[in-house]
Amino acid sequence: MKVHSQKVTVYAPHFVAKKHIDTWLFDKQEWVAEQLKKQLSIDDTKQYPFESKKISVFSETIYLKLDSGQDSKVTPYDDHLLITISPRVKNTYQKYRQLLETYLKEQLIAYIEMRLAYFCTQMGEELPNDLKIGVYKRKWGSCNSKRELTFNLHLIGAPYHAIDYVIVHELAHLKYLNHSKAFWQRVEAFFPDYKTSSNWLKQNGMSLQWVF
């Protein structure tokens, strides 16, 4: 008998009657229930990288409260987010994660759009043709020849100055699609203390990758 992924599988020789298997399984029901309980506990630990129930949003600690409710939604409060899902939802972890990711994307996009407008004016640039938010392990942002900018969702946990640095960095790429001396001069011209923010991301970047 095998207990895995909240399922019980019984293996037996082909000549064993099903009624004997059922009787044997009935005698083992307490053990099966205990194994399922343990498996659920293990799955919860694996599925909730944020089991500490707190995250960082713009460098501020925000606590997570997970609950069931009539609707599936995220409700922000002063120091916590209440994430509720409908009892009808089967994969609770996936739904909690989806709701949280959507909420964080909305918050990050709102801030980046505001700062893009500001820095584009300062740098004499037109707004980019497109803005996307993704999840990456090795980059905070990117820019291509189509004037499309992409930013890492993990930036949501960083302080404002670090996000601003990444924004200016990518806007500078609209003029220089490289990391030449001219590129870094442009970054420094509009974000003089960029090295402080760059170093902060290098030192703390791994700690921001906590949910997705």
N, C-alpha and C. Protein backbone atom coordinates (compact mmCIF):
# COMPACT_ATOMS: atom_id res chain seq x y z
N MET A 1 0.84 -1.19 0.00
CA MET A 1 0.00 0.00 0.00
C MET A 1 0.88 1.24 0.00
N LYS A 2 0.52 2.22 -0.83
CA LYS A 2 1.29 3.44 -0.97
C LYS A 2 0.39 4.65 -0.77
N VAL A 3 0.86 5.59 0.07
CA VAL A 3 0.14 6.84 0.29
C VAL A 3 0.99 7.97 -0.29
N HIS A 4 0.46 8.64 -1.30
CA HIS A 4 1.21 9.69 -1.97
C HIS A 4 0.25 10.68 -2.61
N SER A 5 0.56 11.99 -2.46
CA SER A 5 -0.26 13.05 -3.06
C SER A 5 -1.73 12.91 -2.70
N GLN A 6 -1.97 12.59 -1.42
CA GLN A 6 -3.34 12.46 -0.90
C GLN A 6 -4.12 11.34 -1.59
N LYS A 7 -3.42 10.32 -2.07
CA LYS A 7 -4.06 9.18 -2.70
C LYS A 7 -3.52 7.90 -2.08
N VAL A 8 -4.38 6.89 -2.02
CA VAL A 8 -3.99 5.58 -1.49
C VAL A 8 -4.02 4.57 -2.63
N THR A 9 -2.90 3.92 -2.85
CA THR A 9 -2.81 2.91 -3.90
C THR A 9 -2.46 1.56 -3.27
N VAL A 10 -3.22 0.54 -3.62
CA VAL A 10 -2.99 -0.79 -3.07
C VAL A 10 -2.52 -1.72 -4.20
N TYR A 11 -1.42 -2.41 -3.96
CA TYR A 11 -0.89 -3.37 -4.92
C TYR A 11 -1.10 -4.79 -4.36
N ALA A 12 -1.57 -5.69 -5.22
CA ALA A 12 -1.80 -7.07 -4.76
C ALA A 12 -1.68 -8.02 -5.96
N PRO A 13 -1.35 -9.28 -5.68
CA PRO A 13 -1.31 -10.27 -6.77
C PRO A 13 -2.68 -10.37 -7.44
N HIS A 14 -2.68 -10.72 -8.69
CA HIS A 14 -3.93 -10.72 -9.46
C HIS A 14 -4.93 -11.75 -8.93
N PHE A 15 -4.47 -12.78 -8.23
CA PHE A 15 -5.38 -13.84 -7.79
C PHE A 15 -6.07 -13.53 -6.45
N VAL A 16 -5.69 -12.40 -5.82
CA VAL A 16 -6.31 -12.05 -4.54
C VAL A 16 -7.67 -11.40 -4.81
N ALA A 17 -8.70 -11.93 -4.18
CA ALA A 17 -10.05 -11.41 -4.39
C ALA A 17 -10.18 -9.98 -3.86
N LYS A 18 -11.01 -9.18 -4.55
CA LYS A 18 -11.17 -7.79 -4.16
C LYS A 18 -11.75 -7.67 -2.74
N LYS A 19 -12.65 -8.61 -2.37
CA LYS A 19 -13.25 -8.52 -1.04
C LYS A 19 -12.19 -8.68 0.05
N HIS A 20 -11.17 -9.50 -0.21
CA HIS A 20 -10.09 -9.65 0.77
C HIS A 20 -9.26 -8.37 0.88
N ILE A 21 -9.06 -7.72 -0.27
CA ILE A 21 -8.33 -6.44 -0.26
C ILE A 21 -9.12 -5.39 0.50
N ASP A 22 -10.45 -5.35 0.26
CA ASP A 22 -11.30 -4.38 0.94
C ASP A 22 -11.28 -4.60 2.46
N THR A 23 -11.35 -5.87 2.86
CA THR A 23 -11.33 -6.19 4.29
C THR A 23 -10.00 -5.78 4.91
N TRP A 24 -8.92 -6.08 4.21
CA TRP A 24 -7.59 -5.73 4.71
C TRP A 24 -7.42 -4.21 4.80
N LEU A 25 -7.93 -3.50 3.79
CA LEU A 25 -7.83 -2.05 3.77
C LEU A 25 -8.66 -1.43 4.89
N PHE A 26 -9.82 -2.04 5.17
CA PHE A 26 -10.68 -1.56 6.26
C PHE A 26 -9.95 -1.64 7.60
N ASP A 27 -9.24 -2.74 7.78
CA ASP A 27 -8.48 -2.91 9.03
C ASP A 27 -7.35 -1.89 9.16
N LYS A 28 -6.92 -1.34 8.01
CA LYS A 28 -5.80 -0.40 8.01
C LYS A 28 -6.25 1.07 7.95
N GLN A 29 -7.55 1.32 8.09
CA GLN A 29 -8.04 2.67 7.85
C GLN A 29 -7.46 3.73 8.79
N GLU A 30 -7.23 3.35 10.06
CA GLU A 30 -6.66 4.31 10.99
C GLU A 30 -5.24 4.70 10.56
N TRP A 31 -4.47 3.69 10.15
CA TRP A 31 -3.11 3.96 9.68
C TRP A 31 -3.14 4.83 8.42
N VAL A 32 -4.07 4.54 7.51
CA VAL A 32 -4.19 5.32 6.28
C VAL A 32 -4.54 6.77 6.61
N ALA A 33 -5.48 6.95 7.53
CA ALA A 33 -5.88 8.31 7.92
C ALA A 33 -4.70 9.09 8.49
N GLU A 34 -3.89 8.42 9.29
CA GLU A 34 -2.72 9.07 9.88
C GLU A 34 -1.70 9.45 8.81
N GLN A 35 -1.50 8.56 7.84
CA GLN A 35 -0.56 8.85 6.76
C GLN A 35 -1.03 10.00 5.88
N LEU A 36 -2.33 10.05 5.62
CA LEU A 36 -2.89 11.15 4.84
C LEU A 36 -2.72 12.48 5.56
N LYS A 37 -2.90 12.43 6.87
CA LYS A 37 -2.73 13.65 7.68
C LYS A 37 -1.29 14.14 7.61
N LYS A 38 -0.35 13.20 7.75
CA LYS A 38 1.07 13.56 7.66
C LYS A 38 1.41 14.09 6.28
N GLN A 39 0.85 13.46 5.26
CA GLN A 39 1.13 13.88 3.89
C GLN A 39 0.62 15.29 3.65
N LEU A 40 -0.55 15.59 4.20
CA LEU A 40 -1.13 16.93 4.04
C LEU A 40 -0.23 17.97 4.69
N SER A 41 0.31 17.64 5.85
CA SER A 41 1.20 18.55 6.56
C SER A 41 2.47 18.80 5.75
N ILE A 42 3.01 17.74 5.17
CA ILE A 42 4.22 17.87 4.35
C ILE A 42 3.93 18.71 3.12
N ASP A 43 2.79 18.46 2.46
CA ASP A 43 2.43 19.21 1.26
C ASP A 43 2.27 20.68 1.57
N ASP A 44 1.65 20.99 2.71
CA ASP A 44 1.46 22.39 3.08
C ASP A 44 2.80 23.10 3.22
N THR A 45 3.77 22.40 3.84
CA THR A 45 5.08 23.02 4.02
C THR A 45 5.75 23.27 2.69
N LYS A 46 5.60 22.32 1.76
CA LYS A 46 6.21 22.49 0.45
C LYS A 46 5.50 23.57 -0.36
N GLN A 47 4.20 23.63 -0.23
CA GLN A 47 3.44 24.51 -1.10
C GLN A 47 3.40 25.95 -0.60
N TYR A 48 3.72 26.18 0.65
CA TYR A 48 3.68 27.54 1.15
C TYR A 48 5.08 28.02 1.47
N PRO A 49 5.80 28.51 0.46
CA PRO A 49 7.11 29.09 0.73
C PRO A 49 6.99 30.27 1.69
N PHE A 50 5.79 30.83 1.77
CA PHE A 50 5.57 31.96 2.67
C PHE A 50 4.83 31.50 3.92
N GLU A 51 5.26 30.29 4.46
CA GLU A 51 4.59 29.77 5.64
C GLU A 51 4.77 30.66 6.85
N SER A 52 5.78 31.56 6.79
CA SER A 52 5.95 32.51 7.89
C SER A 52 4.80 33.51 7.92
N LYS A 53 4.00 33.49 6.86
CA LYS A 53 2.82 34.35 6.77
C LYS A 53 3.16 35.83 6.77
N LYS A 54 4.32 36.18 6.20
CA LYS A 54 4.63 37.59 6.04
C LYS A 54 5.48 37.78 4.79
N ILE A 55 5.33 38.92 4.16
CA ILE A 55 6.07 39.24 2.96
C ILE A 55 6.56 40.68 3.06
N SER A 56 7.39 41.06 2.13
CA SER A 56 7.86 42.43 2.07
C SER A 56 7.24 43.11 0.86
N VAL A 57 6.61 44.25 1.08
CA VAL A 57 6.02 45.03 0.00
C VAL A 57 6.61 46.44 0.09
N PHE A 58 7.38 46.80 -0.93
CA PHE A 58 8.11 48.08 -0.93
C PHE A 58 8.91 48.23 0.36
N SER A 59 9.57 47.13 0.75
CA SER A 59 10.47 47.07 1.89
C SER A 59 9.77 47.17 3.24
N GLU A 60 8.45 47.06 3.26
CA GLU A 60 7.71 47.05 4.52
C GLU A 60 7.14 45.65 4.76
N THR A 61 7.18 45.19 5.99
CA THR A 61 6.66 43.87 6.33
C THR A 61 5.13 43.89 6.34
N ILE A 62 4.56 43.02 5.54
CA ILE A 62 3.10 42.88 5.46
C ILE A 62 2.76 41.44 5.80
N TYR A 63 1.83 41.25 6.74
CA TYR A 63 1.46 39.91 7.17
C TYR A 63 0.32 39.37 6.30
N LEU A 64 0.33 38.06 6.10
CA LEU A 64 -0.69 37.40 5.30
C LEU A 64 -1.66 36.66 6.20
N LYS A 65 -2.93 36.84 5.94
CA LYS A 65 -3.95 36.08 6.64
C LYS A 65 -4.75 35.32 5.59
N LEU A 66 -4.68 33.99 5.66
CA LEU A 66 -5.36 33.14 4.69
C LEU A 66 -6.63 32.59 5.31
N ASP A 67 -7.74 32.73 4.59
CA ASP A 67 -9.02 32.32 5.14
C ASP A 67 -9.95 31.92 4.01
N SER A 68 -11.07 31.35 4.36
CA SER A 68 -12.11 31.03 3.38
C SER A 68 -13.20 32.08 3.48
N GLY A 69 -13.86 32.33 2.39
CA GLY A 69 -14.92 33.34 2.37
C GLY A 69 -15.84 33.13 1.20
N GLN A 70 -16.82 33.99 1.09
CA GLN A 70 -17.79 33.83 0.00
C GLN A 70 -17.14 34.08 -1.36
N ASP A 71 -16.19 35.02 -1.39
CA ASP A 71 -15.51 35.35 -2.64
C ASP A 71 -14.01 35.12 -2.50
N SER A 72 -13.35 34.89 -3.63
CA SER A 72 -11.90 34.77 -3.65
C SER A 72 -11.32 36.15 -3.97
N LYS A 73 -10.60 36.74 -3.02
CA LYS A 73 -10.10 38.10 -3.22
C LYS A 73 -9.00 38.42 -2.21
N VAL A 74 -8.34 39.54 -2.45
CA VAL A 74 -7.33 40.07 -1.54
C VAL A 74 -7.83 41.41 -1.01
N THR A 75 -7.84 41.53 0.31
CA THR A 75 -8.27 42.78 0.94
C THR A 75 -7.11 43.34 1.74
N PRO A 76 -6.58 44.52 1.33
CA PRO A 76 -5.45 45.10 2.06
C PRO A 76 -5.90 45.87 3.30
N TYR A 77 -5.12 45.74 4.35
CA TYR A 77 -5.30 46.51 5.57
C TYR A 77 -3.98 47.22 5.87
N ASP A 78 -3.89 47.91 6.99
CA ASP A 78 -2.70 48.69 7.30
C ASP A 78 -1.43 47.84 7.33
N ASP A 79 -1.47 46.72 8.03
CA ASP A 79 -0.26 45.92 8.19
C ASP A 79 -0.41 44.48 7.72
N HIS A 80 -1.51 44.17 7.04
CA HIS A 80 -1.68 42.80 6.56
C HIS A 80 -2.59 42.73 5.33
N LEU A 81 -2.51 41.61 4.67
CA LEU A 81 -3.38 41.31 3.54
C LEU A 81 -4.26 40.13 3.92
N LEU A 82 -5.54 40.27 3.76
CA LEU A 82 -6.46 39.17 3.99
C LEU A 82 -6.77 38.54 2.64
N ILE A 83 -6.36 37.28 2.49
CA ILE A 83 -6.59 36.55 1.24
C ILE A 83 -7.66 35.49 1.50
N THR A 84 -8.80 35.65 0.89
CA THR A 84 -9.89 34.69 1.09
C THR A 84 -10.18 33.96 -0.22
N ILE A 85 -10.54 32.70 -0.09
CA ILE A 85 -10.93 31.91 -1.26
C ILE A 85 -12.25 31.22 -0.96
N SER A 86 -12.98 30.98 -2.01
CA SER A 86 -14.27 30.31 -1.89
C SER A 86 -14.07 28.85 -1.49
N PRO A 87 -14.98 28.30 -0.67
CA PRO A 87 -14.91 26.88 -0.31
C PRO A 87 -15.01 25.96 -1.52
N ARG A 88 -15.47 26.48 -2.63
CA ARG A 88 -15.61 25.67 -3.84
C ARG A 88 -14.28 25.42 -4.53
N VAL A 89 -13.26 26.19 -4.17
CA VAL A 89 -11.94 26.04 -4.80
C VAL A 89 -11.29 24.73 -4.35
N LYS A 90 -10.79 23.96 -5.31
CA LYS A 90 -10.18 22.67 -4.99
C LYS A 90 -8.71 22.82 -4.65
N ASN A 91 -7.94 23.47 -5.51
CA ASN A 91 -6.51 23.65 -5.27
C ASN A 91 -6.31 24.96 -4.53
N THR A 92 -6.36 24.89 -3.21
CA THR A 92 -6.32 26.12 -2.41
C THR A 92 -4.98 26.84 -2.55
N TYR A 93 -3.88 26.11 -2.54
CA TYR A 93 -2.57 26.75 -2.65
C TYR A 93 -2.45 27.52 -3.95
N GLN A 94 -2.84 26.91 -5.06
CA GLN A 94 -2.73 27.57 -6.36
C GLN A 94 -3.57 28.85 -6.39
N LYS A 95 -4.74 28.81 -5.78
CA LYS A 95 -5.61 29.98 -5.77
C LYS A 95 -5.03 31.08 -4.89
N TYR A 96 -4.54 30.73 -3.70
CA TYR A 96 -3.90 31.73 -2.83
C TYR A 96 -2.74 32.40 -3.57
N ARG A 97 -1.95 31.59 -4.22
CA ARG A 97 -0.78 32.10 -4.94
C ARG A 97 -1.21 33.01 -6.09
N GLN A 98 -2.23 32.59 -6.83
CA GLN A 98 -2.71 33.38 -7.97
C GLN A 98 -3.22 34.74 -7.51
N LEU A 99 -4.01 34.74 -6.44
CA LEU A 99 -4.56 35.99 -5.93
C LEU A 99 -3.46 36.92 -5.45
N LEU A 100 -2.49 36.37 -4.72
CA LEU A 100 -1.40 37.18 -4.20
C LEU A 100 -0.56 37.74 -5.35
N GLU A 101 -0.25 36.90 -6.33
CA GLU A 101 0.56 37.35 -7.46
C GLU A 101 -0.13 38.47 -8.22
N THR A 102 -1.42 38.32 -8.47
CA THR A 102 -2.18 39.35 -9.18
C THR A 102 -2.17 40.67 -8.42
N TYR A 103 -2.37 40.59 -7.11
CA TYR A 103 -2.38 41.79 -6.28
C TYR A 103 -1.01 42.48 -6.31
N LEU A 104 0.06 41.71 -6.15
CA LEU A 104 1.40 42.29 -6.14
C LEU A 104 1.76 42.91 -7.49
N LYS A 105 1.34 42.27 -8.57
CA LYS A 105 1.58 42.82 -9.90
C LYS A 105 0.89 44.17 -10.06
N GLU A 106 -0.33 44.25 -9.58
CA GLU A 106 -1.08 45.51 -9.68
C GLU A 106 -0.37 46.62 -8.91
N GLN A 107 0.13 46.30 -7.72
CA GLN A 107 0.82 47.30 -6.91
C GLN A 107 2.12 47.75 -7.57
N LEU A 108 2.87 46.80 -8.10
CA LEU A 108 4.15 47.13 -8.72
C LEU A 108 3.94 47.92 -10.01
N ILE A 109 2.98 47.51 -10.82
CA ILE A 109 2.71 48.22 -12.07
C ILE A 109 2.29 49.67 -11.80
N ALA A 110 1.45 49.86 -10.80
CA ALA A 110 0.99 51.22 -10.47
C ALA A 110 2.17 52.11 -10.12
N TYR A 111 3.10 51.58 -9.33
CA TYR A 111 4.26 52.39 -8.94
C TYR A 111 5.19 52.64 -10.13
N ILE A 112 5.47 51.59 -10.90
CA ILE A 112 6.38 51.74 -12.03
C ILE A 112 5.81 52.69 -13.07
N GLU A 113 4.52 52.61 -13.35
CA GLU A 113 3.92 53.52 -14.33
C GLU A 113 4.07 54.97 -13.88
N MET A 114 3.87 55.21 -12.60
CA MET A 114 4.01 56.56 -12.07
C MET A 114 5.45 57.07 -12.22
N ARG A 115 6.42 56.22 -11.88
CA ARG A 115 7.81 56.63 -11.95
C ARG A 115 8.34 56.68 -13.39
N LEU A 116 7.80 55.85 -14.26
CA LEU A 116 8.17 55.93 -15.67
C LEU A 116 7.80 57.29 -16.24
N ALA A 117 6.60 57.75 -15.91
CA ALA A 117 6.15 59.06 -16.39
C ALA A 117 7.09 60.16 -15.91
N TYR A 118 7.51 60.05 -14.64
CA TYR A 118 8.41 61.07 -14.07
C TYR A 118 9.79 61.03 -14.73
N PHE A 119 10.40 59.85 -14.78
CA PHE A 119 11.76 59.75 -15.31
C PHE A 119 11.81 59.97 -16.82
N CYS A 120 10.77 59.60 -17.54
CA CYS A 120 10.75 59.86 -18.99
C CYS A 120 10.79 61.37 -19.24
N THR A 121 10.06 62.11 -18.44
CA THR A 121 10.08 63.57 -18.56
C THR A 121 11.47 64.11 -18.26
N GLN A 122 12.09 63.60 -17.19
CA GLN A 122 13.42 64.05 -16.82
C GLN A 122 14.46 63.72 -17.89
N MET A 123 14.32 62.55 -18.50
CA MET A 123 15.33 62.05 -19.44
C MET A 123 15.02 62.42 -20.89
N GLY A 124 13.89 63.09 -21.12
CA GLY A 124 13.52 63.46 -22.48
C GLY A 124 13.16 62.28 -23.34
N GLU A 125 12.61 61.24 -22.71
CA GLU A 125 12.22 60.02 -23.43
C GLU A 125 10.71 59.93 -23.55
N GLU A 126 10.27 59.30 -24.63
CA GLU A 126 8.86 58.97 -24.74
C GLU A 126 8.60 57.73 -23.90
N LEU A 127 7.37 57.56 -23.48
CA LEU A 127 7.02 56.37 -22.70
C LEU A 127 7.29 55.11 -23.53
N PRO A 128 7.68 54.03 -22.90
CA PRO A 128 7.93 52.78 -23.64
C PRO A 128 6.65 52.29 -24.32
N ASN A 129 6.83 51.48 -25.33
CA ASN A 129 5.67 50.96 -26.07
C ASN A 129 4.89 49.91 -25.29
N ASP A 130 5.57 49.26 -24.37
CA ASP A 130 4.88 48.22 -23.60
C ASP A 130 5.59 48.03 -22.27
N LEU A 131 4.82 47.63 -21.27
CA LEU A 131 5.34 47.38 -19.93
C LEU A 131 4.83 46.03 -19.47
N LYS A 132 5.75 45.15 -19.07
CA LYS A 132 5.37 43.83 -18.62
C LYS A 132 6.02 43.52 -17.28
N ILE A 133 5.35 42.66 -16.52
CA ILE A 133 5.89 42.19 -15.25
C ILE A 133 6.04 40.68 -15.34
N GLY A 134 7.22 40.17 -15.03
CA GLY A 134 7.47 38.74 -15.07
C GLY A 134 8.19 38.28 -13.81
N VAL A 135 8.46 37.00 -13.74
CA VAL A 135 9.20 36.43 -12.60
C VAL A 135 10.50 35.85 -13.14
N TYR A 136 11.60 36.38 -12.66
CA TYR A 136 12.91 35.96 -13.15
C TYR A 136 13.86 35.73 -11.98
N LYS A 137 14.87 34.91 -12.21
CA LYS A 137 15.86 34.62 -11.18
C LYS A 137 17.14 35.43 -11.37
N ARG A 138 17.43 35.85 -12.59
CA ARG A 138 18.74 36.44 -12.86
C ARG A 138 18.69 37.85 -13.42
N LYS A 139 17.54 38.47 -13.49
CA LYS A 139 17.51 39.85 -13.99
C LYS A 139 16.37 40.62 -13.31
N TRP A 140 16.59 41.91 -13.14
CA TRP A 140 15.59 42.78 -12.51
C TRP A 140 14.74 43.49 -13.55
N GLY A 141 15.28 43.61 -14.75
CA GLY A 141 14.51 44.26 -15.80
C GLY A 141 15.16 44.00 -17.14
N SER A 142 14.47 44.36 -18.21
CA SER A 142 15.04 44.20 -19.54
C SER A 142 14.39 45.21 -20.49
N CYS A 143 15.10 45.48 -21.56
CA CYS A 143 14.62 46.41 -22.59
C CYS A 143 15.02 45.84 -23.94
N ASN A 144 14.16 45.98 -24.94
CA ASN A 144 14.51 45.50 -26.27
C ASN A 144 14.38 46.62 -27.31
N SER A 145 14.73 46.30 -28.53
CA SER A 145 14.73 47.30 -29.61
C SER A 145 13.33 47.78 -29.97
N LYS A 146 12.30 47.07 -29.50
CA LYS A 146 10.92 47.48 -29.77
C LYS A 146 10.41 48.46 -28.70
N ARG A 147 11.31 48.90 -27.81
CA ARG A 147 10.98 49.82 -26.73
C ARG A 147 9.98 49.18 -25.76
N GLU A 148 10.17 47.90 -25.53
CA GLU A 148 9.35 47.17 -24.55
C GLU A 148 10.18 46.94 -23.29
N LEU A 149 9.62 47.30 -22.15
CA LEU A 149 10.31 47.14 -20.88
C LEU A 149 9.65 46.04 -20.06
N THR A 150 10.47 45.23 -19.42
CA THR A 150 9.99 44.17 -18.54
C THR A 150 10.66 44.32 -17.18
N PHE A 151 9.88 44.13 -16.11
CA PHE A 151 10.42 44.24 -14.76
C PHE A 151 10.08 42.98 -13.97
N ASN A 152 10.97 42.64 -13.06
CA ASN A 152 10.83 41.44 -12.24
C ASN A 152 9.84 41.68 -11.11
N LEU A 153 8.88 40.79 -10.97
CA LEU A 153 7.87 40.91 -9.91
C LEU A 153 8.51 40.95 -8.52
N HIS A 154 9.67 40.32 -8.36
CA HIS A 154 10.33 40.30 -7.05
C HIS A 154 10.75 41.69 -6.58
N LEU A 155 10.75 42.66 -7.48
CA LEU A 155 11.07 44.03 -7.09
C LEU A 155 10.05 44.59 -6.11
N ILE A 156 8.88 43.98 -6.04
CA ILE A 156 7.84 44.47 -5.14
C ILE A 156 8.33 44.51 -3.69
N GLY A 157 9.30 43.69 -3.36
CA GLY A 157 9.79 43.66 -1.98
C GLY A 157 10.91 44.65 -1.71
N ALA A 158 11.42 45.29 -2.76
CA ALA A 158 12.57 46.18 -2.62
C ALA A 158 12.14 47.59 -2.20
N PRO A 159 13.06 48.37 -1.64
CA PRO A 159 12.75 49.77 -1.32
C PRO A 159 12.58 50.58 -2.60
N TYR A 160 11.92 51.72 -2.47
CA TYR A 160 11.61 52.53 -3.64
C TYR A 160 12.86 52.92 -4.43
N HIS A 161 13.96 53.25 -3.73
CA HIS A 161 15.14 53.72 -4.44
C HIS A 161 15.72 52.63 -5.35
N ALA A 162 15.61 51.36 -4.92
CA ALA A 162 16.11 50.26 -5.75
C ALA A 162 15.25 50.08 -6.99
N ILE A 163 13.94 50.21 -6.84
CA ILE A 163 13.05 50.10 -7.99
C ILE A 163 13.30 51.25 -8.96
N ASP A 164 13.47 52.45 -8.41
CA ASP A 164 13.75 53.61 -9.26
C ASP A 164 15.03 53.42 -10.06
N TYR A 165 16.03 52.84 -9.42
CA TYR A 165 17.29 52.58 -10.13
C TYR A 165 17.06 51.65 -11.33
N VAL A 166 16.31 50.58 -11.12
CA VAL A 166 16.05 49.64 -12.22
C VAL A 166 15.27 50.33 -13.33
N ILE A 167 14.35 51.20 -12.97
CA ILE A 167 13.57 51.93 -13.98
C ILE A 167 14.49 52.81 -14.82
N VAL A 168 15.36 53.59 -14.16
CA VAL A 168 16.29 54.46 -14.89
C VAL A 168 17.25 53.63 -15.73
N HIS A 169 17.70 52.51 -15.17
CA HIS A 169 18.60 51.60 -15.89
C HIS A 169 17.97 51.16 -17.21
N GLU A 170 16.72 50.72 -17.15
CA GLU A 170 16.06 50.23 -18.37
C GLU A 170 15.72 51.37 -19.32
N LEU A 171 15.37 52.53 -18.80
CA LEU A 171 15.10 53.68 -19.67
C LEU A 171 16.37 54.11 -20.40
N ALA A 172 17.52 53.99 -19.74
CA ALA A 172 18.78 54.33 -20.39
C ALA A 172 19.06 53.39 -21.56
N HIS A 173 18.54 52.17 -21.46
CA HIS A 173 18.72 51.21 -22.55
C HIS A 173 17.91 51.59 -23.79
N LEU A 174 16.93 52.45 -23.64
CA LEU A 174 16.18 52.90 -24.82
C LEU A 174 17.10 53.65 -25.78
N LYS A 175 18.14 54.26 -25.23
CA LYS A 175 19.11 54.98 -26.06
C LYS A 175 20.35 54.14 -26.33
N TYR A 176 20.76 53.34 -25.35
CA TYR A 176 21.94 52.50 -25.49
C TYR A 176 21.59 51.07 -25.11
N LEU A 177 21.47 50.21 -26.11
CA LEU A 177 21.14 48.81 -25.84
C LEU A 177 22.42 48.03 -25.51
N ASN A 178 23.17 48.54 -24.56
CA ASN A 178 24.42 47.91 -24.14
C ASN A 178 24.77 48.46 -22.76
N HIS A 179 25.92 48.08 -22.27
CA HIS A 179 26.40 48.61 -20.99
C HIS A 179 27.72 49.36 -21.22
N SER A 180 27.70 50.20 -22.21
CA SER A 180 28.87 50.99 -22.56
C SER A 180 29.09 52.11 -21.54
N LYS A 181 30.21 52.80 -21.69
CA LYS A 181 30.50 53.93 -20.81
C LYS A 181 29.43 55.01 -20.95
N ALA A 182 28.97 55.24 -22.18
CA ALA A 182 27.94 56.24 -22.42
C ALA A 182 26.63 55.86 -21.71
N PHE A 183 26.34 54.55 -21.69
CA PHE A 183 25.13 54.08 -21.01
C PHE A 183 25.20 54.42 -19.53
N TRP A 184 26.31 54.07 -18.87
CA TRP A 184 26.43 54.30 -17.43
C TRP A 184 26.49 55.79 -17.10
N GLN A 185 27.00 56.57 -18.00
CA GLN A 185 26.99 58.03 -17.80
C GLN A 185 25.56 58.56 -17.82
N ARG A 186 24.75 57.98 -18.68
CA ARG A 186 23.35 58.41 -18.74
C ARG A 186 22.60 57.98 -17.47
N VAL A 187 22.86 56.78 -17.01
CA VAL A 187 22.25 56.33 -15.76
C VAL A 187 22.63 57.27 -14.61
N GLU A 188 23.92 57.57 -14.51
CA GLU A 188 24.41 58.41 -13.41
C GLU A 188 23.87 59.83 -13.50
N ALA A 189 23.66 60.31 -14.71
CA ALA A 189 23.17 61.68 -14.89
C ALA A 189 21.78 61.86 -14.30
N PHE A 190 20.97 60.80 -14.34
CA PHE A 190 19.60 60.91 -13.86
C PHE A 190 19.35 60.14 -12.56
N PHE A 191 20.37 59.37 -12.13
CA PHE A 191 20.28 58.66 -10.86
C PHE A 191 21.68 58.62 -10.27
N PRO A 192 22.17 59.72 -9.74
CA PRO A 192 23.57 59.84 -9.32
C PRO A 192 24.04 58.77 -8.34
N ASP A 193 23.18 58.34 -7.43
CA ASP A 193 23.58 57.37 -6.42
C ASP A 193 23.20 55.94 -6.83
N TYR A 194 23.28 55.67 -8.12
CA TYR A 194 22.82 54.38 -8.62
C TYR A 194 23.61 53.20 -8.04
N LYS A 195 24.88 53.42 -7.70
CA LYS A 195 25.70 52.32 -7.19
C LYS A 195 25.17 51.80 -5.85
N THR A 196 24.65 52.72 -5.03
CA THR A 196 24.09 52.30 -3.74
C THR A 196 22.90 51.36 -3.95
N SER A 197 22.03 51.72 -4.87
CA SER A 197 20.85 50.90 -5.14
C SER A 197 21.23 49.59 -5.83
N SER A 198 22.21 49.66 -6.73
CA SER A 198 22.68 48.45 -7.41
C SER A 198 23.28 47.48 -6.41
N ASN A 199 24.09 48.00 -5.49
CA ASN A 199 24.69 47.15 -4.46
C ASN A 199 23.64 46.56 -3.53
N TRP A 200 22.60 47.35 -3.23
CA TRP A 200 21.53 46.83 -2.37
C TRP A 200 20.88 45.61 -3.01
N LEU A 201 20.61 45.69 -4.29
CA LEU A 201 19.98 44.56 -4.99
C LEU A 201 20.92 43.35 -5.03
N LYS A 202 22.21 43.59 -5.21
CA LYS A 202 23.16 42.48 -5.23
C LYS A 202 23.23 41.77 -3.88
N GLN A 203 23.15 42.56 -2.81
CA GLN A 203 23.28 42.00 -1.47
C GLN A 203 21.99 41.39 -0.95
N ASN A 204 20.84 41.92 -1.40
CA ASN A 204 19.56 41.49 -0.83
C ASN A 204 18.64 40.82 -1.84
N GLY A 205 19.09 40.70 -3.07
CA GLY A 205 18.22 40.18 -4.12
C GLY A 205 17.64 38.81 -3.85
N MET A 206 18.46 37.91 -3.30
CA MET A 206 17.98 36.55 -3.05
C MET A 206 16.85 36.53 -2.03
N SER A 207 16.89 37.44 -1.08
CA SER A 207 15.86 37.46 -0.04
C SER A 207 14.52 37.92 -0.58
N LEU A 208 14.50 38.52 -1.77
CA LEU A 208 13.25 38.99 -2.35
C LEU A 208 12.50 37.88 -3.08
N GLN A 209 13.19 36.79 -3.40
CA GLN A 209 12.57 35.71 -4.17
C GLN A 209 11.90 34.72 -3.25
N TRP A 210 10.78 35.12 -2.63
CA TRP A 210 10.18 34.33 -1.58
C TRP A 210 8.87 33.67 -1.92
N VAL A 211 8.19 34.12 -2.99
CA VAL A 211 6.86 33.55 -3.22
C VAL A 211 6.79 32.73 -4.49
N PHE A 212 7.33 33.26 -5.61
CA PHE A 212 7.05 32.62 -6.88
C PHE A 212 8.29 32.02 -7.50
